[in-house]
PDB file of N, CA and C in Angstrom:
ATOM      1  N   MET A   1     199.291 -28.660 -19.149  1.00  0.00           N
ATOM      2  CA  MET A   1     198.829 -29.482 -18.447  1.00  0.00           C
ATOM      3  C   MET A   1     198.106 -29.296 -17.043  1.00  0.00           C
ATOM      4  N   VAL A   2     196.704 -29.925 -17.210  1.00  0.00           N
ATOM      5  CA  VAL A   2     195.626 -29.402 -16.083  1.00  0.00           C
ATOM      6  C   VAL A   2     196.187 -30.043 -14.799  1.00  0.00           C
ATOM      7  N   LYS A   3     196.511 -29.380 -13.834  1.00  0.00           N
ATOM      8  CA  LYS A   3     196.465 -29.554 -12.373  1.00  0.00           C
ATOM      9  C   LYS A   3     195.576 -29.894 -11.799  1.00  0.00           C
ATOM     10  N   ASN A   4     194.112 -29.224 -11.489  1.00  0.00           N
ATOM     11  CA  ASN A   4     193.408 -29.223 -11.150  1.00  0.00           C
ATOM     12  C   ASN A   4     191.740 -29.423 -11.944  1.00  0.00           C
ATOM     13  N   VAL A   5     191.677 -30.616 -12.202  1.00  0.00           N
ATOM     14  CA  VAL A   5     190.660 -31.365 -12.829  1.00  0.00           C
ATOM     15  C   VAL A   5     189.260 -30.531 -12.492  1.00  0.00           C
ATOM     16  N   GLU A   6     188.751 -30.536 -11.242  1.00  0.00           N
ATOM     17  CA  GLU A   6     187.560 -30.054 -11.128  1.00  0.00           C
ATOM     18  C   GLU A   6     187.435 -28.619 -11.669  1.00  0.00           C
ATOM     19  N   GLN A   7     188.796 -27.789 -11.500  1.00  0.00           N
ATOM     20  CA  GLN A   7     188.462 -26.217 -11.688  1.00  0.00           C
ATOM     21  C   GLN A   7     188.518 -26.470 -13.433  1.00  0.00           C
ATOM     22  N   ALA A   8     189.245 -27.054 -13.971  1.00  0.00           N
ATOM     23  CA  ALA A   8     188.948 -27.132 -15.444  1.00  0.00           C
ATOM     24  C   ALA A   8     187.594 -27.236 -16.120  1.00  0.00           C
ATOM     25  N   LEU A   9     187.070 -28.517 -15.357  1.00  0.00           N
ATOM     26  CA  LEU A   9     185.634 -28.894 -15.804  1.00  0.00           C
ATOM     27  C   LEU A   9     184.896 -27.579 -15.593  1.00  0.00           C
ATOM     28  N   ASP A  10     184.652 -27.276 -14.102  1.00  0.00           N
ATOM     29  CA  ASP A  10     184.104 -26.002 -13.725  1.00  0.00           C
ATOM     30  C   ASP A  10     184.041 -24.825 -14.866  1.00  0.00           C
ATOM     31  N   ASP A  11     185.186 -24.602 -15.350  1.00  0.00           N
ATOM     32  CA  ASP A  11     185.629 -23.659 -16.145  1.00  0.00           C
ATOM     33  C   ASP A  11     185.073 -23.753 -17.575  1.00  0.00           C
ATOM     34  N   ALA A  12     185.194 -24.960 -18.077  1.00  0.00           N
ATOM     35  CA  ALA A  12     184.470 -25.651 -19.167  1.00  0.00           C
ATOM     36  C   ALA A  12     183.047 -25.681 -19.331  1.00  0.00           C
ATOM     37  N   LEU A  13     182.583 -26.115 -18.392  1.00  0.00           N
ATOM     38  CA  LEU A  13     180.931 -25.996 -18.190  1.00  0.00           C
ATOM     39  C   LEU A  13     180.454 -24.862 -18.365  1.00  0.00           C
ATOM     40  N   LEU A  14     181.261 -23.620 -17.762  1.00  0.00           N
ATOM     41  CA  LEU A  14     180.614 -22.473 -17.503  1.00  0.00           C
ATOM     42  C   LEU A  14     180.917 -21.694 -19.244  1.00  0.00           C
ATOM     43  N   ALA A  15     182.098 -22.081 -19.416  1.00  0.00           N
ATOM     44  CA  ALA A  15     182.039 -21.491 -21.293  1.00  0.00           C
ATOM     45  C   ALA A  15     181.327 -21.972 -22.241  1.00  0.00           C
ATOM     46  N   MET A  16     180.770 -23.233 -21.852  1.00  0.00           N
ATOM     47  CA  MET A  16     179.950 -23.901 -22.805  1.00  0.00           C
ATOM     48  C   MET A  16     178.351 -23.443 -22.404  1.00  0.00           C
ATOM     49  N   ARG A  17     178.041 -23.090 -21.030  1.00  0.00           N
ATOM     50  CA  ARG A  17     176.663 -22.713 -20.954  1.00  0.00           C
ATOM     51  C   ARG A  17     176.659 -20.971 -21.510  1.00  0.00           C
ATOM     52  N   MET A  18     177.794 -20.271 -21.462  1.00  0.00           N
ATOM     53  CA  MET A  18     177.845 -18.629 -21.574  1.00  0.00           C
ATOM     54  C   MET A  18     177.616 -18.769 -23.130  1.00  0.00           C
ATOM     55  N   LEU A  19     178.442 -19.885 -24.045  1.00  0.00           N
ATOM     56  CA  LEU A  19     178.239 -20.138 -25.552  1.00  0.00           C
ATOM     57  C   LEU A  19     176.955 -20.011 -26.009  1.00  0.00           C
ATOM     58  N   ARG A  20     176.356 -21.026 -25.091  1.00  0.00           N
ATOM     59  CA  ARG A  20     174.622 -21.527 -25.515  1.00  0.00           C
ATOM     60  C   ARG A  20     173.970 -20.411 -25.325  1.00  0.00           C
ATOM     61  N   LYS A  21     174.003 -19.547 -24.316  1.00  0.00           N
ATOM     62  CA  LYS A  21     173.518 -18.973 -23.629  1.00  0.00           C
ATOM     63  C   LYS A  21     173.670 -17.604 -24.843  1.00  0.00           C
ATOM     64  N   SER A  22     174.710 -17.047 -25.360  1.00  0.00           N
ATOM     65  CA  SER A  22     174.680 -16.410 -26.476  1.00  0.00           C
ATOM     66  C   SER A  22     174.140 -16.885 -28.088  1.00  0.00           C
ATOM     67  N   ILE A  23     174.377 -17.901 -28.343  1.00  0.00           N
ATOM     68  CA  ILE A  23     173.749 -18.542 -29.081  1.00  0.00           C
ATOM     69  C   ILE A  23     172.207 -17.965 -29.205  1.00  0.00           C
ATOM     70  N   VAL A  24     171.449 -18.569 -27.966  1.00  0.00           N
ATOM     71  CA  VAL A  24     170.209 -18.295 -27.888  1.00  0.00           C
ATOM     72  C   VAL A  24     169.656 -16.573 -27.987  1.00  0.00           C
ATOM     73  N   ASP A  25     170.271 -16.334 -26.908  1.00  0.00           N
ATOM     74  CA  ASP A  25     170.000 -14.498 -27.211  1.00  0.00           C
ATOM     75  C   ASP A  25     170.007 -13.796 -28.181  1.00  0.00           C
ATOM     76  N   HIS A  26     171.118 -14.551 -29.178  1.00  0.00           N
ATOM     77  CA  HIS A  26     171.472 -13.389 -30.680  1.00  0.00           C
ATOM     78  C   HIS A  26     170.436 -14.251 -31.491  1.00  0.00           C
ATOM     79  N   GLY A  27     169.454 -15.029 -31.128  1.00  0.00           N
ATOM     80  CA  GLY A  27     168.738 -15.911 -32.384  1.00  0.00           C
ATOM     81  C   GLY A  27     169.377 -16.542 -33.105  1.00  0.00           C
ATOM     82  N   HIS A  28     170.490 -17.116 -32.986  1.00  0.00           N
ATOM     83  CA  HIS A  28     171.208 -17.801 -33.960  1.00  0.00           C
ATOM     84  C   HIS A  28     171.023 -19.452 -33.630  1.00  0.00           C
ATOM     85  N   LEU A  29     170.059 -19.834 -32.793  1.00  0.00           N
ATOM     86  CA  LEU A  29     169.662 -21.158 -32.651  1.00  0.00           C
ATOM     87  C   LEU A  29     169.560 -21.955 -33.600  1.00  0.00           C
ATOM     88  N   GLU A  30     168.433 -21.703 -34.589  1.00  0.00           N
ATOM     89  CA  GLU A  30     168.069 -22.457 -35.896  1.00  0.00           C
ATOM     90  C   GLU A  30     169.373 -22.645 -36.399  1.00  0.00           C
ATOM     91  N   ALA A  31     170.324 -21.798 -36.822  1.00  0.00           N
ATOM     92  CA  ALA A  31     171.278 -21.903 -37.471  1.00  0.00           C
ATOM     93  C   ALA A  31     172.643 -22.938 -37.172  1.00  0.00           C
ATOM     94  N   MET A  32     172.814 -22.775 -35.479  1.00  0.00           N
ATOM     95  CA  MET A  32     173.595 -23.319 -34.598  1.00  0.00           C
ATOM     96  C   MET A  32     172.984 -24.923 -34.064  1.00  0.00           C
ATOM     97  N   ALA A  33     171.726 -25.293 -34.409  1.00  0.00           N
ATOM     98  CA  ALA A  33     171.212 -26.359 -34.121  1.00  0.00           C
ATOM     99  C   ALA A  33     172.195 -27.523 -33.659  1.00  0.00           C
ATOM    100  N   ASP A  34     172.570 -28.183 -34.579  1.00  0.00           N
ATOM    101  CA  ASP A  34     173.647 -29.344 -34.459  1.00  0.00           C
ATOM    102  C   ASP A  34     174.705 -28.844 -33.660  1.00  0.00           C
ATOM    103  N   LEU A  35     175.464 -27.709 -33.241  1.00  0.00           N
ATOM    104  CA  LEU A  35     176.336 -27.279 -32.443  1.00  0.00           C
ATOM    105  C   LEU A  35     175.330 -27.233 -31.095  1.00  0.00           C
ATOM    106  N   ASP A  36     174.321 -26.772 -30.955  1.00  0.00           N
ATOM    107  CA  ASP A  36     173.807 -26.928 -29.988  1.00  0.00           C
ATOM    108  C   ASP A  36     173.494 -28.111 -29.232  1.00  0.00           C
ATOM    109  N   ALA A  37     173.196 -28.885 -29.857  1.00  0.00           N
ATOM    110  CA  ALA A  37     172.531 -30.424 -29.382  1.00  0.00           C
ATOM    111  C   ALA A  37     173.902 -30.914 -29.064  1.00  0.00           C
ATOM    112  N   VAL A  38     175.052 -30.657 -29.574  1.00  0.00           N
ATOM    113  CA  VAL A  38     176.366 -31.224 -29.395  1.00  0.00           C
ATOM    114  C   VAL A  38     176.730 -30.845 -28.014  1.00  0.00           C
ATOM    115  N   MET A  39     176.611 -29.574 -27.806  1.00  0.00           N
ATOM    116  CA  MET A  39     177.027 -28.494 -26.623  1.00  0.00           C
ATOM    117  C   MET A  39     176.103 -29.102 -25.476  1.00  0.00           C
ATOM    118  N   GLU A  40     174.887 -29.259 -25.560  1.00  0.00           N
ATOM    119  CA  GLU A  40     173.885 -29.569 -24.520  1.00  0.00           C
ATOM    120  C   GLU A  40     174.366 -31.016 -24.191  1.00  0.00           C
ATOM    121  N   THR A  41     174.726 -32.104 -24.936  1.00  0.00           N
ATOM    122  CA  THR A  41     175.292 -33.444 -24.610  1.00  0.00           C
ATOM    123  C   THR A  41     176.601 -33.659 -23.618  1.00  0.00           C
ATOM    124  N   ALA A  42     177.440 -32.245 -23.896  1.00  0.00           N
ATOM    125  CA  ALA A  42     178.466 -32.514 -23.613  1.00  0.00           C
ATOM    126  C   ALA A  42     178.691 -31.557 -22.229  1.00  0.00           C
ATOM    127  N   ILE A  43     177.565 -30.830 -22.106  1.00  0.00           N
ATOM    128  CA  ILE A  43     177.347 -30.081 -20.794  1.00  0.00           C
ATOM    129  C   ILE A  43     176.745 -31.505 -19.780  1.00  0.00           C
ATOM    130  N   ALA A  44     175.664 -31.973 -20.222  1.00  0.00           N
ATOM    131  CA  ALA A  44     175.297 -33.010 -19.522  1.00  0.00           C
ATOM    132  C   ALA A  44     176.322 -33.958 -19.224  1.00  0.00           C
ATOM    133  N   ALA A  45     177.131 -34.328 -19.959  1.00  0.00           N
ATOM    134  CA  ALA A  45     178.354 -35.486 -19.402  1.00  0.00           C
ATOM    135  C   ALA A  45     179.290 -34.863 -18.831  1.00  0.00           C
ATOM    136  N   ALA A  46     179.632 -33.850 -18.789  1.00  0.00           N
ATOM    137  CA  ALA A  46     180.498 -32.606 -17.962  1.00  0.00           C
ATOM    138  C   ALA A  46     179.733 -32.733 -16.370  1.00  0.00           C
ATOM    139  N   GLU A  47     179.001 -32.258 -16.369  1.00  0.00           N
ATOM    140  CA  GLU A  47     178.197 -32.193 -15.253  1.00  0.00           C
ATOM    141  C   GLU A  47     177.784 -33.380 -14.239  1.00  0.00           C
ATOM    142  N   GLN A  48     177.481 -34.549 -15.151  1.00  0.00           N
ATOM    143  CA  GLN A  48     177.684 -35.937 -14.574  1.00  0.00           C
ATOM    144  C   GLN A  48     178.893 -36.197 -13.852  1.00  0.00           C
ATOM    145  N   LYS A  49     180.080 -35.813 -14.510  1.00  0.00           N
ATOM    146  CA  LYS A  49     181.469 -36.159 -14.509  1.00  0.00           C
ATOM    147  C   LYS A  49     181.854 -35.510 -12.918  1.00  0.00           C
ATOM    148  N   ARG A  50     181.479 -34.290 -13.071  1.00  0.00           N
ATOM    149  CA  ARG A  50     181.709 -33.457 -12.124  1.00  0.00           C
ATOM    150  C   ARG A  50     180.942 -34.048 -10.462  1.00  0.00           C
ATOM    151  N   ILE A  51     179.663 -34.506 -10.876  1.00  0.00           N
ATOM    152  CA  ILE A  51     178.978 -35.091  -9.684  1.00  0.00           C
ATOM    153  C   ILE A  51     179.767 -35.918  -9.253  1.00  0.00           C
ATOM    154  N   ASP A  52     180.072 -37.013 -10.015  1.00  0.00           N
ATOM    155  CA  ASP A  52     180.688 -38.276  -9.535  1.00  0.00           C
ATOM    156  C   ASP A  52     182.106 -38.196  -9.303  1.00  0.00           C
ATOM    157  N   ILE A  53     183.098 -36.994  -9.301  1.00  0.00           N
ATOM    158  CA  ILE A  53     184.269 -36.674  -8.931  1.00  0.00           C
ATOM    159  C   ILE A  53     183.774 -36.480  -7.435  1.00  0.00           C
ATOM    160  N   GLU A  54     182.769 -35.359  -7.175  1.00  0.00           N
ATOM    161  CA  GLU A  54     182.447 -34.910  -5.769  1.00  0.00           C
ATOM    162  C   GLU A  54     182.084 -36.112  -4.915  1.00  0.00           C
ATOM    163  N   ARG A  55     181.331 -37.003  -5.495  1.00  0.00           N
ATOM    164  CA  ARG A  55     180.816 -38.166  -4.667  1.00  0.00           C
ATOM    165  C   ARG A  55     182.077 -39.195  -4.352  1.00  0.00           C
ATOM    166  N   ALA A  56     183.117 -39.347  -5.314  1.00  0.00           N
ATOM    167  CA  ALA A  56     184.180 -40.047  -5.178  1.00  0.00           C
ATOM    168  C   ALA A  56     185.031 -39.549  -4.051  1.00  0.00           C
ATOM    169  N   LYS A  57     185.197 -38.185  -3.885  1.00  0.00           N
ATOM    170  CA  LYS A  57     185.787 -37.277  -2.783  1.00  0.00           C
ATOM    171  C   LYS A  57     185.161 -37.501  -1.433  1.00  0.00           C
ATOM    172  N   SER A  58     183.944 -37.559  -1.622  1.00  0.00           N
ATOM    173  CA  SER A  58     183.212 -37.728  -0.162  1.00  0.00           C
ATOM    174  C   SER A  58     183.327 -39.484   0.476  1.00  0.00           C
ATOM    175  N   THR A  59     183.723 -39.830  -0.371  1.00  0.00           N
ATOM    176  CA  THR A  59     183.860 -41.636   0.046  1.00  0.00           C
ATOM    177  C   THR A  59     185.157 -42.099   0.683  1.00  0.00           C
TER     178      THR A  59
END
């Protein structure tokens, strides 16, 4: 059970960024294009959610 949503979201974002960087660094981007596209979308959505959480906390 997640007790800290913000930390879980930050950890997930970091993991996705690290995986994308590894794919690019090792030249597997063509083979992993579909996964990369899904990850890019997921990262963008997670980043927006993180921003929304921060805004909600400040109001």
